[in-house]
């Protein structure tokens, strides 16, 4: 996956929704999640990041 240097991510609360906006160049993607969906997403992101950290520590000989 290539990381774009001009990417910007904003997270906001709108009443009972979490709004995530990803800006890249002149384009933007906006996704709105319920609070439950946002919590589920946060858990999955944390698990993926923890897994990445563990894999990074494994040395391949």
PDB file of N, CA and C in Angstrom:
ATOM      1  N   UNK A   1       0.850  -1.172   0.000  1.00  0.00           N
ATOM      2  CA  UNK A   1       0.000   0.000   0.000  1.00  0.00           C
ATOM      3  C   UNK A   1       0.897   1.237   0.000  1.00  0.00           C
ATOM      4  N   UNK A   2       0.584   2.177  -0.855  1.00  0.00           N
ATOM      5  CA  UNK A   2       1.353   3.408  -0.966  1.00  0.00           C
ATOM      6  C   UNK A   2       0.666   4.492  -0.152  1.00  0.00           C
ATOM      7  N   UNK A   3       1.443   5.178   0.667  1.00  0.00           N
ATOM      8  CA  UNK A   3       0.879   6.248   1.477  1.00  0.00           C
ATOM      9  C   UNK A   3       1.083   7.568   0.756  1.00  0.00           C
ATOM     10  N   UNK A   4      -0.003   8.300   0.582  1.00  0.00           N
ATOM     11  CA  UNK A   4       0.081   9.591  -0.078  1.00  0.00           C
ATOM     12  C   UNK A   4       0.425  10.655   0.944  1.00  0.00           C
ATOM     13  N   UNK A   5       1.358  11.538   0.589  1.00  0.00           N
ATOM     14  CA  UNK A   5       1.798  12.550   1.544  1.00  0.00           C
ATOM     15  C   UNK A   5       0.773  13.662   1.728  1.00  0.00           C
ATOM     16  N   UNK A   6      -0.125  13.847   0.769  1.00  0.00           N
ATOM     17  CA  UNK A   6      -1.108  14.922   0.891  1.00  0.00           C
ATOM     18  C   UNK A   6      -2.455  14.424   1.410  1.00  0.00           C
ATOM     19  N   UNK A   7      -2.473  13.271   2.046  1.00  0.00           N
ATOM     20  CA  UNK A   7      -3.717  12.721   2.589  1.00  0.00           C
ATOM     21  C   UNK A   7      -3.995  13.333   3.956  1.00  0.00           C
ATOM     22  N   UNK A   8      -5.249  13.656   4.196  1.00  0.00           N
ATOM     23  CA  UNK A   8      -5.661  14.234   5.473  1.00  0.00           C
ATOM     24  C   UNK A   8      -6.909  13.494   5.944  1.00  0.00           C
ATOM     25  N   UNK A   9      -6.935  13.122   7.217  1.00  0.00           N
ATOM     26  CA  UNK A   9      -8.076  12.400   7.782  1.00  0.00           C
ATOM     27  C   UNK A   9      -8.652  13.221   8.924  1.00  0.00           C
ATOM     28  N   UNK A  10      -9.963  13.434   8.880  1.00  0.00           N
ATOM     29  CA  UNK A  10     -10.660  14.155   9.947  1.00  0.00           C
ATOM     30  C   UNK A  10     -11.735  13.252  10.528  1.00  0.00           C
ATOM     31  N   UNK A  11     -11.871  13.279  11.849  1.00  0.00           N
ATOM     32  CA  UNK A  11     -12.904  12.505  12.534  1.00  0.00           C
ATOM     33  C   UNK A  11     -13.716  13.475  13.375  1.00  0.00           C
ATOM     34  N   UNK A  12     -15.028  13.447  13.193  1.00  0.00           N
ATOM     35  CA  UNK A  12     -15.915  14.359  13.917  1.00  0.00           C
ATOM     36  C   UNK A  12     -17.127  13.601  14.440  1.00  0.00           C
ATOM     37  N   UNK A  13     -17.737  14.139  15.472  1.00  0.00           N
ATOM     38  CA  UNK A  13     -18.977  13.586  16.016  1.00  0.00           C
ATOM     39  C   UNK A  13     -20.132  14.446  15.515  1.00  0.00           C
ATOM     40  N   UNK A  14     -21.148  13.800  14.967  1.00  0.00           N
ATOM     41  CA  UNK A  14     -22.370  14.485  14.532  1.00  0.00           C
ATOM     42  C   UNK A  14     -23.543  13.814  15.239  1.00  0.00           C
ATOM     43  N   UNK A  15     -24.020  14.425  16.286  1.00  0.00           N
ATOM     44  CA  UNK A  15     -25.103  13.857  17.104  1.00  0.00           C
ATOM     45  C   UNK A  15     -24.779  12.434  17.507  1.00  0.00           C
ATOM     46  N   UNK A  16     -25.424  11.446  16.896  1.00  0.00           N
ATOM     47  CA  UNK A  16     -25.177  10.052  17.267  1.00  0.00           C
ATOM     48  C   UNK A  16     -24.413   9.305  16.170  1.00  0.00           C
ATOM     49  N   UNK A  17     -23.635  10.030  15.396  1.00  0.00           N
ATOM     50  CA  UNK A  17     -22.834   9.438  14.318  1.00  0.00           C
ATOM     51  C   UNK A  17     -21.388   9.908  14.418  1.00  0.00           C
ATOM     52  N   UNK A  18     -20.499   9.084  13.900  1.00  0.00           N
ATOM     53  CA  UNK A  18     -19.092   9.463  13.771  1.00  0.00           C
ATOM     54  C   UNK A  18     -18.842   9.660  12.282  1.00  0.00           C
ATOM     55  N   UNK A  19     -18.318  10.807  11.942  1.00  0.00           N
ATOM     56  CA  UNK A  19     -18.069  11.162  10.543  1.00  0.00           C
ATOM     57  C   UNK A  19     -16.564  11.138  10.303  1.00  0.00           C
ATOM     58  N   UNK A  20     -16.148  10.329   9.329  1.00  0.00           N
ATOM     59  CA  UNK A  20     -14.736  10.255   8.956  1.00  0.00           C
ATOM     60  C   UNK A  20     -14.611  10.774   7.531  1.00  0.00           C
ATOM     61  N   UNK A  21     -13.775  11.791   7.374  1.00  0.00           N
ATOM     62  CA  UNK A  21     -13.535  12.370   6.054  1.00  0.00           C
ATOM     63  C   UNK A  21     -12.067  12.167   5.706  1.00  0.00           C
ATOM     64  N   UNK A  22     -11.831  11.613   4.531  1.00  0.00           N
ATOM     65  CA  UNK A  22     -10.468  11.405   4.042  1.00  0.00           C
ATOM     66  C   UNK A  22     -10.304  12.268   2.803  1.00  0.00           C
ATOM     67  N   UNK A  23      -9.374  13.195   2.878  1.00  0.00           N
ATOM     68  CA  UNK A  23      -9.093  14.097   1.764  1.00  0.00           C
ATOM     69  C   UNK A  23      -7.782  13.672   1.124  1.00  0.00           C
ATOM     70  N   UNK A  24      -7.794  13.507  -0.188  1.00  0.00           N
ATOM     71  CA  UNK A  24      -6.574  13.161  -0.905  1.00  0.00           C
ATOM     72  C   UNK A  24      -6.581  13.923  -2.223  1.00  0.00           C
ATOM     73  N   UNK A  25      -5.646  14.852  -2.295  1.00  0.00           N
ATOM     74  CA  UNK A  25      -5.624  15.728  -3.462  1.00  0.00           C
ATOM     75  C   UNK A  25      -6.884  16.571  -3.494  1.00  0.00           C
ATOM     76  N   UNK A  26      -7.549  16.563  -4.621  1.00  0.00           N
ATOM     77  CA  UNK A  26      -8.795  17.320  -4.750  1.00  0.00           C
ATOM     78  C   UNK A  26     -10.019  16.468  -4.424  1.00  0.00           C
ATOM     79  N   UNK A  27      -9.816  15.190  -4.159  1.00  0.00           N
ATOM     80  CA  UNK A  27     -10.921  14.274  -3.879  1.00  0.00           C
ATOM     81  C   UNK A  27     -11.132  14.122  -2.382  1.00  0.00           C
ATOM     82  N   UNK A  28     -12.331  13.679  -2.024  1.00  0.00           N
ATOM     83  CA  UNK A  28     -12.619  13.387  -0.626  1.00  0.00           C
ATOM     84  C   UNK A  28     -13.591  12.225  -0.541  1.00  0.00           C
ATOM     85  N   UNK A  29     -13.458  11.460   0.519  1.00  0.00           N
ATOM     86  CA  UNK A  29     -14.361  10.354   0.817  1.00  0.00           C
ATOM     87  C   UNK A  29     -14.911  10.608   2.213  1.00  0.00           C
ATOM     88  N   UNK A  30     -16.220  10.549   2.361  1.00  0.00           N
ATOM     89  CA  UNK A  30     -16.840  10.763   3.664  1.00  0.00           C
ATOM     90  C   UNK A  30     -17.661   9.532   4.013  1.00  0.00           C
ATOM     91  N   UNK A  31     -17.419   9.008   5.208  1.00  0.00           N
ATOM     92  CA  UNK A  31     -18.153   7.842   5.690  1.00  0.00           C
ATOM     93  C   UNK A  31     -18.716   8.190   7.059  1.00  0.00           C
ATOM     94  N   UNK A  32     -19.989   7.853   7.262  1.00  0.00           N
ATOM     95  CA  UNK A  32     -20.624   8.090   8.560  1.00  0.00           C
ATOM     96  C   UNK A  32     -20.958   6.742   9.184  1.00  0.00           C
ATOM     97  N   UNK A  33     -20.582   6.598  10.460  1.00  0.00           N
ATOM     98  CA  UNK A  33     -20.813   5.364  11.198  1.00  0.00           C
ATOM     99  C   UNK A  33     -21.708   5.643  12.397  1.00  0.00           C
ATOM    100  N   UNK A  34     -22.507   4.652  12.763  1.00  0.00           N
ATOM    101  CA  UNK A  34     -23.210   4.741  14.043  1.00  0.00           C
ATOM    102  C   UNK A  34     -22.149   4.593  15.130  1.00  0.00           C
ATOM    103  N   UNK A  35     -22.496   4.918  16.361  1.00  0.00           N
ATOM    104  CA  UNK A  35     -21.527   4.794  17.450  1.00  0.00           C
ATOM    105  C   UNK A  35     -21.075   3.345  17.614  1.00  0.00           C
ATOM    106  N   UNK A  36     -21.994   2.408  17.442  1.00  0.00           N
ATOM    107  CA  UNK A  36     -21.650   0.985  17.547  1.00  0.00           C
ATOM    108  C   UNK A  36     -20.688   0.570  16.434  1.00  0.00           C
ATOM    109  N   UNK A  37     -20.971   1.002  15.216  1.00  0.00           N
ATOM    110  CA  UNK A  37     -20.090   0.681  14.090  1.00  0.00           C
ATOM    111  C   UNK A  37     -18.707   1.302  14.284  1.00  0.00           C
ATOM    112  N   UNK A  38     -18.669   2.531  14.783  1.00  0.00           N
ATOM    113  CA  UNK A  38     -17.388   3.203  15.015  1.00  0.00           C
ATOM    114  C   UNK A  38     -16.576   2.460  16.071  1.00  0.00           C
ATOM    115  N   UNK A  39     -17.239   1.979  17.116  1.00  0.00           N
ATOM    116  CA  UNK A  39     -16.547   1.196  18.141  1.00  0.00           C
ATOM    117  C   UNK A  39     -15.988  -0.093  17.574  1.00  0.00           C
ATOM    118  N   UNK A  40     -16.773  -0.752  16.727  1.00  0.00           N
ATOM    119  CA  UNK A  40     -16.326  -1.987  16.079  1.00  0.00           C
ATOM    120  C   UNK A  40     -15.124  -1.707  15.175  1.00  0.00           C
ATOM    121  N   UNK A  41     -15.183  -0.622  14.428  1.00  0.00           N
ATOM    122  CA  UNK A  41     -14.064  -0.237  13.561  1.00  0.00           C
ATOM    123  C   UNK A  41     -12.810   0.038  14.383  1.00  0.00           C
ATOM    124  N   UNK A  42     -12.964   0.742  15.496  1.00  0.00           N
ATOM    125  CA  UNK A  42     -11.819   1.052  16.357  1.00  0.00           C
ATOM    126  C   UNK A  42     -11.169  -0.230  16.880  1.00  0.00           C
ATOM    127  N   UNK A  43     -11.988  -1.199  17.293  1.00  0.00           N
ATOM    128  CA  UNK A  43     -11.452  -2.479  17.773  1.00  0.00           C
ATOM    129  C   UNK A  43     -10.686  -3.202  16.672  1.00  0.00           C
ATOM    130  N   UNK A  44     -11.253  -3.223  15.475  1.00  0.00           N
ATOM    131  CA  UNK A  44     -10.598  -3.912  14.359  1.00  0.00           C
ATOM    132  C   UNK A  44      -9.292  -3.226  13.968  1.00  0.00           C
ATOM    133  N   UNK A  45      -9.280  -1.903  13.988  1.00  0.00           N
ATOM    134  CA  UNK A  45      -8.043  -1.173  13.688  1.00  0.00           C
ATOM    135  C   UNK A  45      -6.976  -1.460  14.737  1.00  0.00           C
ATOM    136  N   UNK A  46      -7.369  -1.454  16.008  1.00  0.00           N
ATOM    137  CA  UNK A  46      -6.410  -1.752  17.078  1.00  0.00           C
ATOM    138  C   UNK A  46      -5.836  -3.155  16.937  1.00  0.00           C
ATOM    139  N   UNK A  47      -6.693  -4.131  16.629  1.00  0.00           N
ATOM    140  CA  UNK A  47      -6.217  -5.510  16.444  1.00  0.00           C
ATOM    141  C   UNK A  47      -5.250  -5.593  15.277  1.00  0.00           C
ATOM    142  N   UNK A  48      -5.572  -4.922  14.182  1.00  0.00           N
ATOM    143  CA  UNK A  48      -4.699  -4.947  13.006  1.00  0.00           C
ATOM    144  C   UNK A  48      -3.349  -4.302  13.314  1.00  0.00           C
ATOM    145  N   UNK A  49      -3.354  -3.192  14.046  1.00  0.00           N
ATOM    146  CA  UNK A  49      -2.100  -2.519  14.396  1.00  0.00           C
ATOM    147  C   UNK A  49      -1.271  -3.354  15.367  1.00  0.00           C
ATOM    148  N   UNK A  50      -1.928  -4.009  16.322  1.00  0.00           N
ATOM    149  CA  UNK A  50      -1.213  -4.887  17.246  1.00  0.00           C
ATOM    150  C   UNK A  50      -0.599  -6.059  16.492  1.00  0.00           C
ATOM    151  N   UNK A  51      -1.358  -6.640  15.564  1.00  0.00           N
ATOM    152  CA  UNK A  51      -0.860  -7.750  14.759  1.00  0.00           C
ATOM    153  C   UNK A  51       0.345  -7.306  13.933  1.00  0.00           C
ATOM    154  N   UNK A  52       0.260  -6.123  13.364  1.00  0.00           N
ATOM    155  CA  UNK A  52       1.373  -5.588  12.578  1.00  0.00           C
ATOM    156  C   UNK A  52       2.619  -5.434  13.449  1.00  0.00           C
ATOM    157  N   UNK A  53       2.437  -4.904  14.659  1.00  0.00           N
ATOM    158  CA  UNK A  53       3.573  -4.721  15.570  1.00  0.00           C
ATOM    159  C   UNK A  53       4.212  -6.056  15.927  1.00  0.00           C
ATOM    160  N   UNK A  54       3.372  -7.066  16.184  1.00  0.00           N
ATOM    161  CA  UNK A  54       3.903  -8.392  16.513  1.00  0.00           C
ATOM    162  C   UNK A  54       4.656  -8.983  15.333  1.00  0.00           C
ATOM    163  N   UNK A  55       4.097  -8.857  14.146  1.00  0.00           N
ATOM    164  CA  UNK A  55       4.752  -9.415  12.956  1.00  0.00           C
ATOM    165  C   UNK A  55       6.067  -8.706  12.665  1.00  0.00           C
ATOM    166  N   UNK A  56       6.114  -7.424  12.943  1.00  0.00           N
ATOM    167  CA  UNK A  56       7.319  -6.642  12.705  1.00  0.00           C
ATOM    168  C   UNK A  56       8.462  -7.111  13.604  1.00  0.00           C
ATOM    169  N   UNK A  57       8.109  -7.609  14.786  1.00  0.00           N
ATOM    170  CA  UNK A  57       9.126  -8.052  15.736  1.00  0.00           C
ATOM    171  C   UNK A  57       9.647  -9.450  15.425  1.00  0.00           C
ATOM    172  N   UNK A  58       8.912 -10.203  14.608  1.00  0.00           N
ATOM    173  CA  UNK A  58       9.340 -11.555  14.255  1.00  0.00           C
ATOM    174  C   UNK A  58      10.455 -11.447  13.223  1.00  0.00           C
ATOM    175  N   UNK A  59      11.576 -12.070  13.536  1.00  0.00           N
ATOM    176  CA  UNK A  59      12.715 -11.997  12.631  1.00  0.00           C
ATOM    177  C   UNK A  59      12.712 -13.207  11.715  1.00  0.00           C
ATOM    178  N   UNK A  60      12.815 -12.958  10.442  1.00  0.00           N
ATOM    179  CA  UNK A  60      12.851 -14.045   9.466  1.00  0.00           C
ATOM    180  C   UNK A  60      14.305 -14.322   9.119  1.00  0.00           C
ATOM    181  N   UNK A  61      14.722 -15.572   9.345  1.00  0.00           N
ATOM    182  CA  UNK A  61      16.113 -15.956   9.053  1.00  0.00           C
ATOM    183  C   UNK A  61      16.217 -16.607   7.697  1.00  0.00           C
TER     184      UNK A  61
END
